[in-house]
Amino acid sequence: MNSHLINATDNPEQFFNMLPEDWQVLIVPYWESYKDVAKIYVLKEDEEVVAGGLVFSKSLPDMSDFERAQQHLFSEGYLYIGFIWVPIDKRNRQLASQWLTLLKNQDPTQKYWLTIEEEWLKHFYEKNDFKLIKESDNDDDKEWLFTWRPQTEVRRPETEDGRRKSEDGRRKTEVRRRKTEDGSLK
């Protein structure tokens, strides 16, 4: 199937219509005030919307205290990912992972952050290269903060024995020298 990520900010109904009612209540009535700071991205297979989510450039709606404490990430160039949804009949096809991958590939220099409230999602985001940064102190309403940063460090290839090659491709060797009693090296 032909999958692609579409900016649906100007046609939000294609995202809203697939959301469960409790999520629609959180987003749809406030969309007019959010649309200046958020974009909707949907994943389409052929012409069918199979996943979607919001990306905020600042001020999250209905922030928790934990999220509010992370607002500095916006000034550090991060965008916030929220409300990722895959319809129940489309699940177990890696569509949310595909949505995240296509979003990250859209601008390979962009950094993202998000929070989760359900512990079982930790594995999903770690599998998608997000790093767990912080856990809230509130045991009643636990939250976790994740970030994703582009891979900017280029690693040198390894030799067969697992050591790094030098800039010119030679294997770096460990030189161990022992001083003799008279101070010379052997």
N, C-alpha and C. Protein backbone atom coordinates (compact mmCIF):
# COMPACT_ATOMS: atom_id res chain seq x y z
N MET A 1 0.84 -1.19 0.00
CA MET A 1 0.00 0.00 0.00
C MET A 1 0.87 1.24 0.00
N ASN A 2 0.38 2.29 -0.59
CA ASN A 2 1.10 3.54 -0.67
C ASN A 2 0.75 4.42 0.53
N SER A 3 1.69 4.59 1.47
CA SER A 3 1.45 5.39 2.68
C SER A 3 2.21 6.70 2.60
N HIS A 4 1.57 7.77 3.07
CA HIS A 4 2.23 9.06 3.10
C HIS A 4 1.63 9.93 4.21
N LEU A 5 2.44 10.85 4.71
CA LEU A 5 2.03 11.77 5.77
C LEU A 5 1.55 13.07 5.14
N ILE A 6 0.39 13.53 5.58
CA ILE A 6 -0.23 14.73 5.02
C ILE A 6 -0.47 15.74 6.13
N ASN A 7 -0.16 17.01 5.86
CA ASN A 7 -0.53 18.08 6.78
C ASN A 7 -2.02 18.35 6.57
N ALA A 8 -2.83 18.01 7.56
CA ALA A 8 -4.29 18.14 7.45
C ALA A 8 -4.82 19.30 8.29
N THR A 9 -3.96 20.25 8.62
CA THR A 9 -4.37 21.37 9.48
C THR A 9 -5.53 22.15 8.88
N ASP A 10 -5.53 22.33 7.56
CA ASP A 10 -6.61 23.08 6.91
C ASP A 10 -7.86 22.25 6.65
N ASN A 11 -7.78 20.96 6.89
CA ASN A 11 -8.93 20.07 6.72
C ASN A 11 -8.97 19.10 7.91
N PRO A 12 -9.17 19.65 9.13
CA PRO A 12 -9.03 18.85 10.35
C PRO A 12 -10.06 17.75 10.52
N GLU A 13 -11.19 17.85 9.83
CA GLU A 13 -12.26 16.86 10.02
C GLU A 13 -11.79 15.44 9.70
N GLN A 14 -10.86 15.30 8.75
CA GLN A 14 -10.40 13.95 8.42
C GLN A 14 -9.68 13.30 9.60
N PHE A 15 -9.10 14.10 10.49
CA PHE A 15 -8.51 13.58 11.72
C PHE A 15 -9.57 13.45 12.81
N PHE A 16 -10.34 14.52 13.01
CA PHE A 16 -11.35 14.53 14.08
C PHE A 16 -12.34 13.38 13.95
N ASN A 17 -12.76 13.07 12.73
CA ASN A 17 -13.78 12.04 12.51
C ASN A 17 -13.34 10.64 12.91
N MET A 18 -12.06 10.40 12.96
CA MET A 18 -11.60 9.06 13.35
C MET A 18 -11.33 8.93 14.85
N LEU A 19 -11.35 10.06 15.57
CA LEU A 19 -11.05 10.04 17.00
C LEU A 19 -12.20 9.48 17.83
N PRO A 20 -11.88 8.88 18.96
CA PRO A 20 -12.95 8.47 19.88
C PRO A 20 -13.62 9.71 20.46
N GLU A 21 -14.84 9.56 20.90
CA GLU A 21 -15.62 10.71 21.37
C GLU A 21 -14.94 11.47 22.50
N ASP A 22 -14.32 10.76 23.45
CA ASP A 22 -13.68 11.46 24.57
C ASP A 22 -12.51 12.32 24.11
N TRP A 23 -11.82 11.95 23.04
CA TRP A 23 -10.76 12.78 22.50
C TRP A 23 -11.33 13.95 21.70
N GLN A 24 -12.42 13.71 21.00
CA GLN A 24 -13.05 14.80 20.25
C GLN A 24 -13.46 15.92 21.20
N VAL A 25 -13.97 15.56 22.36
CA VAL A 25 -14.39 16.56 23.36
C VAL A 25 -13.21 17.41 23.81
N LEU A 26 -12.02 16.81 23.87
CA LEU A 26 -10.82 17.53 24.30
C LEU A 26 -10.23 18.43 23.22
N ILE A 27 -10.48 18.12 21.96
CA ILE A 27 -9.81 18.83 20.88
C ILE A 27 -10.74 19.70 20.04
N VAL A 28 -11.81 19.13 19.53
CA VAL A 28 -12.64 19.80 18.53
C VAL A 28 -13.16 21.16 18.98
N PRO A 29 -13.75 21.30 20.19
CA PRO A 29 -14.28 22.60 20.58
C PRO A 29 -13.22 23.70 20.69
N TYR A 30 -11.97 23.30 20.85
CA TYR A 30 -10.89 24.26 21.07
C TYR A 30 -9.98 24.42 19.86
N TRP A 31 -10.29 23.72 18.78
CA TRP A 31 -9.39 23.72 17.64
C TRP A 31 -9.12 25.12 17.09
N GLU A 32 -10.11 25.98 17.05
CA GLU A 32 -9.89 27.34 16.53
C GLU A 32 -8.78 28.06 17.28
N SER A 33 -8.72 27.86 18.60
CA SER A 33 -7.66 28.53 19.37
C SER A 33 -6.33 27.77 19.30
N TYR A 34 -6.35 26.49 18.97
CA TYR A 34 -5.12 25.70 18.89
C TYR A 34 -4.44 25.81 17.53
N LYS A 35 -5.22 26.05 16.48
CA LYS A 35 -4.66 25.90 15.14
C LYS A 35 -3.53 26.87 14.81
N ASP A 36 -3.37 27.93 15.60
CA ASP A 36 -2.24 28.83 15.37
C ASP A 36 -0.94 28.27 15.94
N VAL A 37 -1.04 27.31 16.86
CA VAL A 37 0.16 26.75 17.50
C VAL A 37 0.28 25.24 17.29
N ALA A 38 -0.60 24.67 16.47
CA ALA A 38 -0.58 23.21 16.26
C ALA A 38 -0.84 22.87 14.80
N LYS A 39 -0.30 21.74 14.40
CA LYS A 39 -0.57 21.20 13.07
C LYS A 39 -1.09 19.78 13.24
N ILE A 40 -1.97 19.40 12.35
CA ILE A 40 -2.49 18.03 12.32
C ILE A 40 -1.80 17.30 11.17
N TYR A 41 -1.25 16.14 11.49
CA TYR A 41 -0.67 15.29 10.45
C TYR A 41 -1.41 13.96 10.46
N VAL A 42 -1.82 13.53 9.27
CA VAL A 42 -2.49 12.24 9.15
C VAL A 42 -1.66 11.34 8.24
N LEU A 43 -1.72 10.06 8.55
CA LEU A 43 -1.10 9.05 7.72
C LEU A 43 -2.20 8.46 6.85
N LYS A 44 -1.97 8.50 5.54
CA LYS A 44 -2.95 7.95 4.61
C LYS A 44 -2.35 6.75 3.90
N GLU A 45 -3.18 5.71 3.77
CA GLU A 45 -2.86 4.57 2.91
C GLU A 45 -3.79 4.71 1.72
N ASP A 46 -3.20 4.89 0.57
CA ASP A 46 -3.96 5.28 -0.60
C ASP A 46 -4.71 6.56 -0.23
N GLU A 47 -6.00 6.57 -0.11
CA GLU A 47 -6.71 7.80 0.27
C GLU A 47 -7.40 7.69 1.62
N GLU A 48 -7.16 6.62 2.34
CA GLU A 48 -7.81 6.41 3.63
C GLU A 48 -6.91 6.86 4.78
N VAL A 49 -7.46 7.65 5.71
CA VAL A 49 -6.72 8.08 6.90
C VAL A 49 -6.65 6.89 7.86
N VAL A 50 -5.42 6.49 8.22
CA VAL A 50 -5.24 5.31 9.08
C VAL A 50 -4.56 5.65 10.41
N ALA A 51 -4.09 6.89 10.56
CA ALA A 51 -3.46 7.33 11.81
C ALA A 51 -3.34 8.85 11.75
N GLY A 52 -3.13 9.45 12.91
CA GLY A 52 -2.96 10.90 12.93
C GLY A 52 -2.50 11.37 14.29
N GLY A 53 -2.12 12.63 14.33
CA GLY A 53 -1.69 13.23 15.58
C GLY A 53 -1.48 14.72 15.43
N LEU A 54 -1.25 15.38 16.56
CA LEU A 54 -1.03 16.82 16.58
C LEU A 54 0.42 17.12 16.94
N VAL A 55 0.93 18.21 16.39
CA VAL A 55 2.27 18.69 16.72
C VAL A 55 2.13 20.16 17.10
N PHE A 56 2.49 20.45 18.36
CA PHE A 56 2.35 21.80 18.91
C PHE A 56 3.69 22.53 18.91
N SER A 57 3.67 23.82 18.56
CA SER A 57 4.88 24.63 18.60
C SER A 57 5.01 25.42 19.89
N LYS A 58 3.94 25.49 20.67
CA LYS A 58 3.98 26.11 21.99
C LYS A 58 2.66 25.87 22.72
N SER A 59 2.60 26.27 23.95
CA SER A 59 1.43 26.21 24.84
C SER A 59 0.45 25.06 24.57
N LEU A 60 0.62 24.03 25.34
CA LEU A 60 -0.25 22.86 25.21
C LEU A 60 -1.62 23.12 25.81
N PRO A 61 -2.64 22.50 25.24
CA PRO A 61 -3.97 22.62 25.84
C PRO A 61 -4.06 21.79 27.12
N ASP A 62 -4.70 22.32 28.12
CA ASP A 62 -4.95 21.58 29.36
C ASP A 62 -3.70 20.89 29.90
N MET A 63 -2.63 21.66 30.03
CA MET A 63 -1.38 21.09 30.50
C MET A 63 -1.47 20.62 31.94
N SER A 64 -0.82 19.51 32.22
CA SER A 64 -0.66 19.06 33.60
C SER A 64 0.48 19.87 34.21
N ASP A 65 0.62 19.83 35.51
CA ASP A 65 1.73 20.52 36.16
C ASP A 65 3.06 19.98 35.65
N PHE A 66 3.12 18.68 35.44
CA PHE A 66 4.34 18.05 34.93
C PHE A 66 4.69 18.60 33.55
N GLU A 67 3.72 18.69 32.66
CA GLU A 67 3.96 19.23 31.32
C GLU A 67 4.33 20.71 31.39
N ARG A 68 3.66 21.45 32.23
CA ARG A 68 3.94 22.88 32.38
C ARG A 68 5.41 23.10 32.77
N ALA A 69 5.94 22.22 33.59
CA ALA A 69 7.34 22.33 34.02
C ALA A 69 8.32 22.05 32.88
N GLN A 70 7.85 21.50 31.78
CA GLN A 70 8.72 21.16 30.65
C GLN A 70 8.65 22.20 29.53
N GLN A 71 7.95 23.28 29.74
CA GLN A 71 7.75 24.28 28.68
C GLN A 71 9.06 24.85 28.12
N HIS A 72 10.13 24.79 28.90
CA HIS A 72 11.43 25.28 28.43
C HIS A 72 11.88 24.56 27.16
N LEU A 73 11.37 23.37 26.92
CA LEU A 73 11.76 22.62 25.73
C LEU A 73 11.36 23.34 24.44
N PHE A 74 10.27 24.09 24.47
CA PHE A 74 9.89 24.86 23.28
C PHE A 74 10.98 25.87 22.93
N SER A 75 11.53 26.56 23.93
CA SER A 75 12.57 27.55 23.67
C SER A 75 13.88 26.90 23.24
N GLU A 76 14.00 25.59 23.45
CA GLU A 76 15.19 24.85 23.02
C GLU A 76 14.98 24.22 21.64
N GLY A 77 13.88 24.59 20.97
CA GLY A 77 13.64 24.14 19.61
C GLY A 77 12.84 22.85 19.46
N TYR A 78 12.29 22.34 20.55
CA TYR A 78 11.49 21.12 20.49
C TYR A 78 10.04 21.45 20.13
N LEU A 79 9.39 20.55 19.42
CA LEU A 79 7.95 20.59 19.19
C LEU A 79 7.32 19.47 20.00
N TYR A 80 6.08 19.68 20.43
CA TYR A 80 5.38 18.70 21.26
C TYR A 80 4.45 17.84 20.41
N ILE A 81 4.56 16.53 20.57
CA ILE A 81 3.68 15.59 19.87
C ILE A 81 2.59 15.15 20.83
N GLY A 82 1.35 15.23 20.38
CA GLY A 82 0.25 14.80 21.22
C GLY A 82 -0.89 14.19 20.43
N PHE A 83 -1.74 13.48 21.12
CA PHE A 83 -2.98 12.93 20.56
C PHE A 83 -2.75 12.04 19.34
N ILE A 84 -1.73 11.20 19.39
CA ILE A 84 -1.54 10.24 18.30
C ILE A 84 -2.64 9.18 18.41
N TRP A 85 -3.31 8.94 17.30
CA TRP A 85 -4.42 7.98 17.33
C TRP A 85 -4.40 7.09 16.09
N VAL A 86 -4.64 5.81 16.34
CA VAL A 86 -4.84 4.83 15.27
C VAL A 86 -6.18 4.15 15.58
N PRO A 87 -7.12 4.15 14.63
CA PRO A 87 -8.40 3.48 14.88
C PRO A 87 -8.20 2.01 15.27
N ILE A 88 -9.07 1.53 16.12
CA ILE A 88 -8.93 0.18 16.66
C ILE A 88 -8.82 -0.87 15.57
N ASP A 89 -9.60 -0.74 14.51
CA ASP A 89 -9.55 -1.75 13.44
C ASP A 89 -8.29 -1.67 12.58
N LYS A 90 -7.45 -0.67 12.82
CA LYS A 90 -6.20 -0.51 12.05
C LYS A 90 -4.96 -0.83 12.89
N ARG A 91 -5.14 -1.21 14.13
CA ARG A 91 -4.01 -1.42 15.03
C ARG A 91 -3.24 -2.70 14.71
N ASN A 92 -2.07 -2.79 15.33
CA ASN A 92 -1.15 -3.93 15.16
C ASN A 92 -0.59 -4.01 13.74
N ARG A 93 -0.47 -2.85 13.11
CA ARG A 93 0.12 -2.78 11.77
C ARG A 93 1.28 -1.79 11.74
N GLN A 94 1.72 -1.35 12.92
CA GLN A 94 2.86 -0.43 13.04
C GLN A 94 2.57 0.95 12.44
N LEU A 95 1.30 1.34 12.40
CA LEU A 95 0.93 2.62 11.78
C LEU A 95 1.37 3.81 12.61
N ALA A 96 1.30 3.73 13.93
CA ALA A 96 1.77 4.84 14.77
C ALA A 96 3.28 5.00 14.63
N SER A 97 3.99 3.89 14.56
CA SER A 97 5.44 3.95 14.34
C SER A 97 5.75 4.57 12.98
N GLN A 98 4.98 4.20 11.99
CA GLN A 98 5.17 4.76 10.66
C GLN A 98 4.87 6.26 10.67
N TRP A 99 3.82 6.68 11.37
CA TRP A 99 3.47 8.10 11.49
C TRP A 99 4.65 8.86 12.11
N LEU A 100 5.21 8.33 13.20
CA LEU A 100 6.35 8.98 13.86
C LEU A 100 7.56 9.05 12.94
N THR A 101 7.85 7.98 12.26
CA THR A 101 9.01 7.95 11.36
C THR A 101 8.87 8.97 10.25
N LEU A 102 7.72 9.02 9.63
CA LEU A 102 7.50 9.99 8.55
C LEU A 102 7.55 11.42 9.07
N LEU A 103 7.02 11.65 10.27
CA LEU A 103 7.09 12.99 10.86
C LEU A 103 8.55 13.38 11.09
N LYS A 104 9.33 12.49 11.67
CA LYS A 104 10.75 12.78 11.94
C LYS A 104 11.53 12.98 10.65
N ASN A 105 11.20 12.23 9.61
CA ASN A 105 11.91 12.35 8.33
C ASN A 105 11.56 13.63 7.58
N GLN A 106 10.41 14.20 7.89
CA GLN A 106 9.96 15.42 7.23
C GLN A 106 10.96 16.56 7.41
N ASP A 107 11.51 16.69 8.61
CA ASP A 107 12.55 17.67 8.91
C ASP A 107 13.57 16.97 9.80
N PRO A 108 14.63 16.45 9.20
CA PRO A 108 15.59 15.65 9.95
C PRO A 108 16.34 16.40 11.06
N THR A 109 16.19 17.72 11.13
CA THR A 109 16.86 18.48 12.19
C THR A 109 15.93 18.81 13.36
N GLN A 110 14.65 18.53 13.22
CA GLN A 110 13.66 18.90 14.25
C GLN A 110 13.72 17.96 15.44
N LYS A 111 13.59 18.55 16.64
CA LYS A 111 13.54 17.78 17.89
C LYS A 111 12.09 17.75 18.38
N TYR A 112 11.72 16.67 19.09
CA TYR A 112 10.36 16.51 19.58
C TYR A 112 10.35 16.09 21.05
N TRP A 113 9.27 16.44 21.74
CA TRP A 113 9.05 15.95 23.10
C TRP A 113 7.59 15.55 23.23
N LEU A 114 7.33 14.70 24.21
CA LEU A 114 5.96 14.27 24.48
C LEU A 114 5.90 13.73 25.89
N THR A 115 4.69 13.63 26.40
CA THR A 115 4.49 12.99 27.70
C THR A 115 3.45 11.89 27.53
N ILE A 116 3.57 10.88 28.38
CA ILE A 116 2.59 9.80 28.39
C ILE A 116 2.06 9.63 29.80
N GLU A 117 0.86 9.11 29.89
CA GLU A 117 0.23 8.87 31.20
C GLU A 117 -0.01 7.38 31.44
N GLU A 118 0.30 6.56 30.45
CA GLU A 118 0.10 5.12 30.57
C GLU A 118 1.45 4.43 30.42
N GLU A 119 1.85 3.72 31.47
CA GLU A 119 3.19 3.13 31.50
C GLU A 119 3.46 2.17 30.35
N TRP A 120 2.45 1.46 29.89
CA TRP A 120 2.66 0.49 28.83
C TRP A 120 3.13 1.14 27.52
N LEU A 121 2.96 2.46 27.39
CA LEU A 121 3.42 3.16 26.19
C LEU A 121 4.93 3.42 26.18
N LYS A 122 5.57 3.27 27.34
CA LYS A 122 7.01 3.51 27.41
C LYS A 122 7.77 2.68 26.37
N HIS A 123 7.46 1.41 26.31
CA HIS A 123 8.16 0.53 25.36
C HIS A 123 7.96 0.99 23.91
N PHE A 124 6.75 1.41 23.58
CA PHE A 124 6.46 1.87 22.22
C PHE A 124 7.36 3.05 21.84
N TYR A 125 7.46 4.05 22.72
CA TYR A 125 8.26 5.22 22.37
C TYR A 125 9.75 4.92 22.39
N GLU A 126 10.20 4.08 23.30
CA GLU A 126 11.61 3.68 23.30
C GLU A 126 11.94 2.92 22.01
N LYS A 127 11.04 2.08 21.57
CA LYS A 127 11.22 1.33 20.32
C LYS A 127 11.32 2.29 19.12
N ASN A 128 10.70 3.45 19.24
CA ASN A 128 10.73 4.46 18.18
C ASN A 128 11.79 5.53 18.43
N ASP A 129 12.81 5.17 19.19
CA ASP A 129 14.01 5.99 19.41
C ASP A 129 13.79 7.24 20.25
N PHE A 130 12.71 7.28 21.02
CA PHE A 130 12.52 8.36 21.98
C PHE A 130 13.24 7.96 23.27
N LYS A 131 13.76 8.96 23.96
CA LYS A 131 14.52 8.71 25.19
C LYS A 131 13.71 9.16 26.39
N LEU A 132 13.58 8.29 27.37
CA LEU A 132 12.90 8.64 28.62
C LEU A 132 13.80 9.61 29.37
N ILE A 133 13.28 10.81 29.66
CA ILE A 133 14.06 11.86 30.30
C ILE A 133 13.69 12.03 31.77
N LYS A 134 12.40 11.93 32.04
CA LYS A 134 11.95 12.25 33.39
C LYS A 134 10.65 11.54 33.70
N GLU A 135 10.44 11.28 34.99
CA GLU A 135 9.21 10.66 35.48
C GLU A 135 8.64 11.59 36.54
N SER A 136 7.33 11.78 36.52
CA SER A 136 6.71 12.67 37.51
C SER A 136 6.78 12.05 38.90
N ASP A 137 6.68 12.90 39.90
CA ASP A 137 6.72 12.45 41.30
C ASP A 137 5.35 12.03 41.81
N ASN A 138 4.31 12.38 41.08
CA ASN A 138 2.94 12.12 41.52
C ASN A 138 2.56 10.66 41.26
N ASP A 139 2.51 9.86 42.30
CA ASP A 139 2.20 8.43 42.13
C ASP A 139 0.75 8.19 41.71
N ASP A 140 -0.15 9.12 42.02
CA ASP A 140 -1.56 8.95 41.65
C ASP A 140 -1.80 9.19 40.16
N ASP A 141 -1.11 10.17 39.59
CA ASP A 141 -1.23 10.50 38.17
C ASP A 141 0.16 10.51 37.55
N LYS A 142 0.77 9.37 37.42
CA LYS A 142 2.13 9.24 36.92
C LYS A 142 2.21 9.69 35.47
N GLU A 143 3.29 10.41 35.14
CA GLU A 143 3.56 10.83 33.77
C GLU A 143 5.04 10.62 33.48
N TRP A 144 5.34 10.43 32.19
CA TRP A 144 6.71 10.25 31.75
C TRP A 144 6.99 11.20 30.60
N LEU A 145 8.17 11.80 30.61
CA LEU A 145 8.61 12.73 29.57
C LEU A 145 9.61 12.02 28.67
N PHE A 146 9.36 12.10 27.36
CA PHE A 146 10.26 11.53 26.36
C PHE A 146 10.69 12.63 25.40
N THR A 147 11.91 12.50 24.88
CA THR A 147 12.37 13.40 23.83
C THR A 147 12.96 12.58 22.70
N TRP A 148 12.97 13.19 21.53
CA TRP A 148 13.65 12.60 20.37
C TRP A 148 14.51 13.69 19.77
N ARG A 149 15.76 13.34 19.54
CA ARG A 149 16.71 14.26 18.89
C ARG A 149 17.29 13.56 17.68
N PRO A 150 17.52 14.32 16.61
CA PRO A 150 18.12 13.71 15.42
C PRO A 150 19.51 13.14 15.73
N GLN A 151 19.87 12.13 15.00
CA GLN A 151 21.22 11.55 15.12
C GLN A 151 22.18 12.46 14.38
N THR A 152 22.97 13.24 15.10
CA THR A 152 23.90 14.15 14.44
C THR A 152 25.33 13.67 14.53
N GLU A 153 25.60 12.79 15.46
CA GLU A 153 26.95 12.30 15.63
C GLU A 153 27.20 11.17 14.64
N VAL A 154 28.25 11.32 13.86
CA VAL A 154 28.63 10.27 12.93
C VAL A 154 29.63 9.38 13.63
N ARG A 155 29.29 8.12 13.74
CA ARG A 155 30.18 7.16 14.40
C ARG A 155 31.12 6.54 13.38
N ARG A 156 32.37 6.40 13.79
CA ARG A 156 33.33 5.72 12.93
C ARG A 156 33.04 4.23 12.91
N PRO A 157 33.33 3.58 11.80
CA PRO A 157 33.07 2.13 11.73
C PRO A 157 33.95 1.36 12.71
N GLU A 158 33.47 0.20 13.08
CA GLU A 158 34.23 -0.66 13.98
C GLU A 158 35.00 -1.69 13.19
N THR A 159 36.09 -2.15 13.80
CA THR A 159 36.85 -3.26 13.21
C THR A 159 36.18 -4.55 13.63
N GLU A 160 36.71 -5.67 13.15
CA GLU A 160 36.12 -6.96 13.49
C GLU A 160 36.13 -7.24 14.99
N ASP A 161 37.14 -6.70 15.69
CA ASP A 161 37.21 -6.96 17.13
C ASP A 161 36.42 -5.94 17.95
N GLY A 162 35.63 -5.09 17.27
CA GLY A 162 34.76 -4.15 17.98
C GLY A 162 35.39 -2.82 18.33
N ARG A 163 36.66 -2.62 17.95
CA ARG A 163 37.33 -1.34 18.24
C ARG A 163 37.03 -0.34 17.14
N ARG A 164 37.12 0.93 17.48
CA ARG A 164 36.88 1.99 16.50
C ARG A 164 38.09 2.18 15.60
N LYS A 165 37.83 2.49 14.34
CA LYS A 165 38.91 2.83 13.42
C LYS A 165 39.25 4.30 13.59
N SER A 166 40.49 4.63 13.29
CA SER A 166 40.90 6.03 13.34
C SER A 166 40.38 6.74 12.10
N GLU A 167 40.63 8.04 12.03
CA GLU A 167 40.15 8.84 10.90
C GLU A 167 40.60 8.27 9.56
N ASP A 168 41.85 7.75 9.49
CA ASP A 168 42.35 7.24 8.22
C ASP A 168 42.02 5.76 7.99
N GLY A 169 41.19 5.18 8.87
CA GLY A 169 40.73 3.82 8.66
C GLY A 169 41.54 2.75 9.37
N ARG A 170 42.68 3.12 9.98
CA ARG A 170 43.47 2.11 10.69
C ARG A 170 42.84 1.80 12.03
N ARG A 171 43.06 0.59 12.49
CA ARG A 171 42.55 0.20 13.81
C ARG A 171 43.41 0.86 14.87
N LYS A 172 42.73 1.49 15.83
CA LYS A 172 43.45 2.05 16.95
C LYS A 172 43.90 0.90 17.84
N THR A 173 45.13 0.94 18.25
CA THR A 173 45.63 -0.11 19.13
C THR A 173 45.93 0.47 20.49
N GLU A 174 45.82 -0.39 21.44
CA GLU A 174 46.16 0.02 22.79
C GLU A 174 47.63 -0.30 23.00
N VAL A 175 48.35 0.69 23.41
CA VAL A 175 49.76 0.48 23.70
C VAL A 175 49.91 0.48 25.21
N ARG A 176 50.36 -0.62 25.70
CA ARG A 176 50.58 -0.71 27.13
C ARG A 176 52.08 -0.79 27.36
N ARG A 177 52.55 0.16 28.07
CA ARG A 177 53.97 0.18 28.37
C ARG A 177 54.15 0.09 29.87
N ARG A 178 55.14 -0.64 30.21
CA ARG A 178 55.47 -0.75 31.62
C ARG A 178 56.87 -0.21 31.84
N LYS A 179 56.98 0.54 32.88
CA LYS A 179 58.30 1.05 33.21
C LYS A 179 59.10 -0.01 33.95
N THR A 180 60.35 -0.08 33.58
CA THR A 180 61.25 -0.97 34.31
C THR A 180 61.73 -0.24 35.55
N GLU A 181 62.47 -0.94 36.37
CA GLU A 181 62.95 -0.33 37.61
C GLU A 181 63.80 0.90 37.35
N ASP A 182 64.53 0.93 36.23
CA ASP A 182 65.39 2.08 35.95
C ASP A 182 64.64 3.20 35.22
N GLY A 183 63.31 3.04 35.00
CA GLY A 183 62.49 4.09 34.39
C GLY A 183 62.33 3.96 32.89
N SER A 184 63.03 3.02 32.27
CA SER A 184 62.87 2.85 30.83
C SER A 184 61.60 2.07 30.53
N LEU A 185 61.16 2.16 29.29
CA LEU A 185 59.95 1.44 28.88
C LEU A 185 60.32 0.10 28.30
N LYS A 186 59.49 -0.88 28.55
CA LYS A 186 59.74 -2.17 27.90
C LYS A 186 58.56 -2.56 27.06
